[in-house]
Amino acid sequence: MATDNVGLSLKLFIVLTRALQSIKKRVEEDIKKQGINLTEFAVMELLFHKGDQPIQKIGSKVLLSSSSISYVVDRLVQKEMIRRRPCPDDRRITFATLTEKGRAFMEDYFPKHEQVIHNILAGLDDDEKARVIDHIKTLGLHAEGTSTNK
C-alpha cells in the first residue's frame, strides 16, 4: 500500500469544507431574499417535488431533528405555504401539503433557484462537474465505511 499523504488529505478536507461553505452561503443569501430560510425551503422543495409527506418522515429526508421539523412546519403553516392534512386511514399520521400559495411560490421561484445554483457552480464546465460528482460520491461512500475508532 502506498504511503498516505496525511497533509494532502487534510488540505482536501479544508478545500472541500471551504468550497461548500461558500456555495451554501450564496444559495442561502438567495433563498433569504424570498422571505424564507434554508430549512423552510428544503421542506417546501421536498413537498413540491415528492408530493405530500408524513410530517414524521420529513426530518430524515431534509436532515433535521423531529423537534426542528415541528418548528419549521409551524412557521410554514403561519406563512400559509403549507397545511397539515390528517391521514384518513391512520389518525397517528399527519401529512404536510403545499397550499396554493406555496405551490405558486415554488413554481415561480424554483426555476430561478436552479439558475442561481447553475451560476454559482459555473466555475466548472459540464465534464468537470461530472468528474467531481463521481469523485465526491466515491469519497462519501468510502467515508461511510470508515470508523474514527481505528
C-alpha atoms as a PDB file:
ATOM      1  CA  MET A   1       0.000   0.000   0.000  1.00  0.00           C
ATOM      2  CA  ALA A   2       1.308   3.450  -0.877  1.00  0.00           C
ATOM      3  CA  THR A   3       2.218   5.810   1.912  1.00  0.00           C
ATOM      4  CA  ASP A   4      -0.762   8.001   2.774  1.00  0.00           C
ATOM      5  CA  ASN A   5      -0.096  11.703   2.430  1.00  0.00           C
ATOM      6  CA  VAL A   6      -1.833  12.951   5.567  1.00  0.00           C
ATOM      7  CA  GLY A   7      -1.147  16.585   4.702  1.00  0.00           C
ATOM      8  CA  LEU A   8      -2.783  16.239   1.290  1.00  0.00           C
ATOM      9  CA  SER A   9      -5.849  14.625   2.865  1.00  0.00           C
ATOM     10  CA  LEU A  10      -6.098  17.477   5.354  1.00  0.00           C
ATOM     11  CA  LYS A  11      -5.785  20.034   2.551  1.00  0.00           C
ATOM     12  CA  LEU A  12      -8.557  18.269   0.577  1.00  0.00           C
ATOM     13  CA  PHE A  13     -10.799  18.350   3.655  1.00  0.00           C
ATOM     14  CA  ILE A  14     -10.191  22.086   4.117  1.00  0.00           C
ATOM     15  CA  VAL A  15     -10.751  22.877   0.427  1.00  0.00           C
ATOM     16  CA  LEU A  16     -13.989  20.832   0.313  1.00  0.00           C
ATOM     17  CA  THR A  17     -15.249  22.445   3.508  1.00  0.00           C
ATOM     18  CA  ARG A  18     -14.477  25.989   2.381  1.00  0.00           C
ATOM     19  CA  ALA A  19     -15.960  25.420  -1.069  1.00  0.00           C
ATOM     20  CA  LEU A  20     -19.154  24.028   0.445  1.00  0.00           C
ATOM     21  CA  GLN A  21     -19.368  26.947   2.894  1.00  0.00           C
ATOM     22  CA  SER A  22     -19.002  29.468   0.043  1.00  0.00           C
ATOM     23  CA  ILE A  23     -21.576  27.729  -2.153  1.00  0.00           C
ATOM     24  CA  LYS A  24     -24.034  27.298   0.718  1.00  0.00           C
ATOM     25  CA  LYS A  25     -23.646  30.942   1.743  1.00  0.00           C
ATOM     26  CA  ARG A  26     -24.556  32.153  -1.765  1.00  0.00           C
ATOM     27  CA  VAL A  27     -27.533  29.793  -2.005  1.00  0.00           C
ATOM     28  CA  GLU A  28     -28.798  30.832   1.451  1.00  0.00           C
ATOM     29  CA  GLU A  29     -28.483  34.515   0.528  1.00  0.00           C
ATOM     30  CA  ASP A  30     -30.712  33.955  -2.493  1.00  0.00           C
ATOM     31  CA  ILE A  31     -33.287  31.948  -0.545  1.00  0.00           C
ATOM     32  CA  LYS A  32     -33.427  34.521   2.275  1.00  0.00           C
ATOM     33  CA  LYS A  33     -34.327  37.206  -0.298  1.00  0.00           C
ATOM     34  CA  GLN A  34     -37.580  35.252  -0.717  1.00  0.00           C
ATOM     35  CA  GLY A  35     -38.534  35.703   2.949  1.00  0.00           C
ATOM     36  CA  ILE A  36     -37.824  32.104   3.971  1.00  0.00           C
ATOM     37  CA  ASN A  37     -34.827  30.303   5.386  1.00  0.00           C
ATOM     38  CA  LEU A  38     -32.918  27.312   4.017  1.00  0.00           C
ATOM     39  CA  THR A  39     -34.741  24.800   6.203  1.00  0.00           C
ATOM     40  CA  GLU A  40     -38.167  26.110   5.228  1.00  0.00           C
ATOM     41  CA  PHE A  41     -37.131  25.985   1.587  1.00  0.00           C
ATOM     42  CA  ALA A  42     -35.882  22.398   1.966  1.00  0.00           C
ATOM     43  CA  VAL A  43     -39.279  21.304   3.323  1.00  0.00           C
ATOM     44  CA  MET A  44     -41.147  23.135   0.568  1.00  0.00           C
ATOM     45  CA  GLU A  45     -38.836  21.730  -2.104  1.00  0.00           C
ATOM     46  CA  LEU A  46     -39.449  18.201  -0.803  1.00  0.00           C
ATOM     47  CA  LEU A  47     -43.221  18.684  -0.938  1.00  0.00           C
ATOM     48  CA  PHE A  48     -43.011  20.356  -4.353  1.00  0.00           C
ATOM     49  CA  HIS A  49     -41.045  17.506  -5.918  1.00  0.00           C
ATOM     50  CA  LYS A  50     -42.251  14.480  -3.924  1.00  0.00           C
ATOM     51  CA  GLY A  51     -45.813  15.461  -3.019  1.00  0.00           C
ATOM     52  CA  ASP A  52     -47.488  15.291   0.374  1.00  0.00           C
ATOM     53  CA  GLN A  53     -45.275  13.806   3.095  1.00  0.00           C
ATOM     54  CA  PRO A  54     -45.958  12.495   6.591  1.00  0.00           C
ATOM     55  CA  ILE A  55     -44.600  15.178   8.922  1.00  0.00           C
ATOM     56  CA  GLN A  56     -42.892  12.449  10.950  1.00  0.00           C
ATOM     57  CA  LYS A  57     -40.806  11.441   7.876  1.00  0.00           C
ATOM     58  CA  ILE A  58     -39.784  14.908   6.664  1.00  0.00           C
ATOM     59  CA  GLY A  59     -36.923  15.261   9.154  1.00  0.00           C
ATOM     60  CA  SER A  60     -34.988  12.295   7.812  1.00  0.00           C
ATOM     61  CA  LYS A  61     -35.470  13.471   4.238  1.00  0.00           C
ATOM     62  CA  VAL A  62     -34.185  17.001   4.837  1.00  0.00           C
ATOM     63  CA  LEU A  63     -31.718  16.061   7.601  1.00  0.00           C
ATOM     64  CA  LEU A  64     -33.470  17.715  10.541  1.00  0.00           C
ATOM     65  CA  SER A  65     -34.414  16.544  14.005  1.00  0.00           C
ATOM     66  CA  SER A  66     -38.088  15.895  14.711  1.00  0.00           C
ATOM     67  CA  SER A  67     -38.242  18.839  17.128  1.00  0.00           C
ATOM     68  CA  SER A  68     -36.872  21.178  14.452  1.00  0.00           C
ATOM     69  CA  ILE A  69     -39.346  19.876  11.884  1.00  0.00           C
ATOM     70  CA  SER A  70     -42.287  20.769  14.133  1.00  0.00           C
ATOM     71  CA  TYR A  71     -40.990  24.328  14.385  1.00  0.00           C
ATOM     72  CA  VAL A  72     -40.376  24.628  10.627  1.00  0.00           C
ATOM     73  CA  VAL A  73     -43.803  23.194   9.792  1.00  0.00           C
ATOM     74  CA  ASP A  74     -45.435  25.616  12.240  1.00  0.00           C
ATOM     75  CA  ARG A  75     -43.653  28.562  10.577  1.00  0.00           C
ATOM     76  CA  LEU A  76     -44.655  27.447   7.088  1.00  0.00           C
ATOM     77  CA  VAL A  77     -48.265  26.980   8.227  1.00  0.00           C
ATOM     78  CA  GLN A  78     -48.202  30.526   9.668  1.00  0.00           C
ATOM     79  CA  LYS A  79     -46.867  31.801   6.332  1.00  0.00           C
ATOM     80  CA  GLU A  80     -49.691  29.886   4.586  1.00  0.00           C
ATOM     81  CA  MET A  81     -47.173  27.991   2.451  1.00  0.00           C
ATOM     82  CA  ILE A  82     -48.167  24.534   3.701  1.00  0.00           C
ATOM     83  CA  ARG A  83     -51.001  22.985   5.660  1.00  0.00           C
ATOM     84  CA  ARG A  84     -51.424  19.914   7.805  1.00  0.00           C
ATOM     85  CA  ARG A  85     -53.718  17.200   6.480  1.00  0.00           C
ATOM     86  CA  PRO A  86     -54.769  14.272   8.687  1.00  0.00           C
ATOM     87  CA  CYS A  87     -54.325  10.827   7.197  1.00  0.00           C
ATOM     88  CA  PRO A  88     -57.780   9.343   6.575  1.00  0.00           C
ATOM     89  CA  ASP A  89     -56.536   5.811   7.347  1.00  0.00           C
ATOM     90  CA  ASP A  90     -54.347   6.385  10.400  1.00  0.00           C
ATOM     91  CA  ARG A  91     -55.029   9.106  12.972  1.00  0.00           C
ATOM     92  CA  ARG A  92     -51.414   8.961  14.169  1.00  0.00           C
ATOM     93  CA  ILE A  93     -50.178  10.311  10.821  1.00  0.00           C
ATOM     94  CA  THR A  94     -50.426  13.905   9.649  1.00  0.00           C
ATOM     95  CA  PHE A  95     -49.308  14.941   6.189  1.00  0.00           C
ATOM     96  CA  ALA A  96     -47.706  18.229   5.177  1.00  0.00           C
ATOM     97  CA  THR A  97     -49.011  19.526   1.873  1.00  0.00           C
ATOM     98  CA  LEU A  98     -48.310  22.667  -0.117  1.00  0.00           C
ATOM     99  CA  THR A  99     -51.078  25.246  -0.192  1.00  0.00           C
ATOM    100  CA  GLU A 100     -51.925  27.030  -3.434  1.00  0.00           C
ATOM    101  CA  LYS A 101     -49.769  29.921  -2.218  1.00  0.00           C
ATOM    102  CA  GLY A 102     -46.883  27.536  -1.514  1.00  0.00           C
ATOM    103  CA  ARG A 103     -47.215  25.792  -4.871  1.00  0.00           C
ATOM    104  CA  ALA A 104     -47.370  29.117  -6.732  1.00  0.00           C
ATOM    105  CA  PHE A 105     -44.276  30.302  -4.864  1.00  0.00           C
ATOM    106  CA  MET A 106     -42.330  27.159  -5.778  1.00  0.00           C
ATOM    107  CA  GLU A 107     -43.479  27.197  -9.413  1.00  0.00           C
ATOM    108  CA  ASP A 108     -42.254  30.779  -9.698  1.00  0.00           C
ATOM    109  CA  TYR A 109     -39.113  30.592  -7.582  1.00  0.00           C
ATOM    110  CA  PHE A 110     -37.673  27.110  -8.162  1.00  0.00           C
ATOM    111  CA  PRO A 111     -36.563  27.699 -11.787  1.00  0.00           C
ATOM    112  CA  LYS A 112     -34.825  30.891 -10.612  1.00  0.00           C
ATOM    113  CA  HIS A 113     -33.233  28.956  -7.749  1.00  0.00           C
ATOM    114  CA  GLU A 114     -31.887  26.356 -10.188  1.00  0.00           C
ATOM    115  CA  GLN A 115     -30.370  29.141 -12.282  1.00  0.00           C
ATOM    116  CA  VAL A 116     -28.738  30.704  -9.218  1.00  0.00           C
ATOM    117  CA  ILE A 117     -27.110  27.359  -8.384  1.00  0.00           C
ATOM    118  CA  HIS A 118     -26.038  26.932 -12.001  1.00  0.00           C
ATOM    119  CA  ASN A 119     -24.417  30.381 -11.934  1.00  0.00           C
ATOM    120  CA  ILE A 120     -22.672  29.688  -8.615  1.00  0.00           C
ATOM    121  CA  LEU A 121     -21.239  26.434  -9.995  1.00  0.00           C
ATOM    122  CA  ALA A 122     -20.286  27.915 -13.378  1.00  0.00           C
ATOM    123  CA  GLY A 123     -16.628  27.770 -12.341  1.00  0.00           C
ATOM    124  CA  LEU A 124     -16.610  24.213 -13.713  1.00  0.00           C
ATOM    125  CA  ASP A 125     -17.663  23.026 -17.158  1.00  0.00           C
ATOM    126  CA  ASP A 126     -20.051  20.089 -17.571  1.00  0.00           C
ATOM    127  CA  ASP A 127     -17.284  17.471 -17.894  1.00  0.00           C
ATOM    128  CA  GLU A 128     -15.544  18.782 -14.772  1.00  0.00           C
ATOM    129  CA  LYS A 129     -18.846  18.754 -12.857  1.00  0.00           C
ATOM    130  CA  ALA A 130     -19.475  15.123 -13.860  1.00  0.00           C
ATOM    131  CA  ARG A 131     -15.979  14.107 -12.715  1.00  0.00           C
ATOM    132  CA  VAL A 132     -16.326  15.982  -9.412  1.00  0.00           C
ATOM    133  CA  ILE A 133     -19.707  14.301  -8.805  1.00  0.00           C
ATOM    134  CA  ASP A 134     -18.150  10.867  -9.369  1.00  0.00           C
ATOM    135  CA  HIS A 135     -15.160  11.614  -7.142  1.00  0.00           C
ATOM    136  CA  ILE A 136     -17.233  13.060  -4.306  1.00  0.00           C
ATOM    137  CA  LYS A 137     -19.649  10.095  -4.454  1.00  0.00           C
ATOM    138  CA  THR A 138     -16.674   7.725  -4.201  1.00  0.00           C
ATOM    139  CA  LEU A 139     -15.258   9.745  -1.316  1.00  0.00           C
ATOM    140  CA  GLY A 140     -18.618   9.788   0.513  1.00  0.00           C
ATOM    141  CA  LEU A 141     -19.120   6.042   0.102  1.00  0.00           C
ATOM    142  CA  HIS A 142     -15.628   5.407   1.423  1.00  0.00           C
ATOM    143  CA  ALA A 143     -16.190   7.761   4.373  1.00  0.00           C
ATOM    144  CA  GLU A 144     -19.396   5.911   5.289  1.00  0.00           C
ATOM    145  CA  GLY A 145     -17.400   2.700   5.573  1.00  0.00           C
ATOM    146  CA  THR A 146     -14.651   4.089   7.789  1.00  0.00           C
ATOM    147  CA  SER A 147     -14.605   4.378  11.555  1.00  0.00           C
ATOM    148  CA  THR A 148     -12.926   7.001  13.700  1.00  0.00           C
ATOM    149  CA  ASN A 149     -12.280   4.275  16.304  1.00  0.00           C
ATOM    150  CA  LYS A 150      -9.353   2.783  14.354  1.00  0.00           C
END
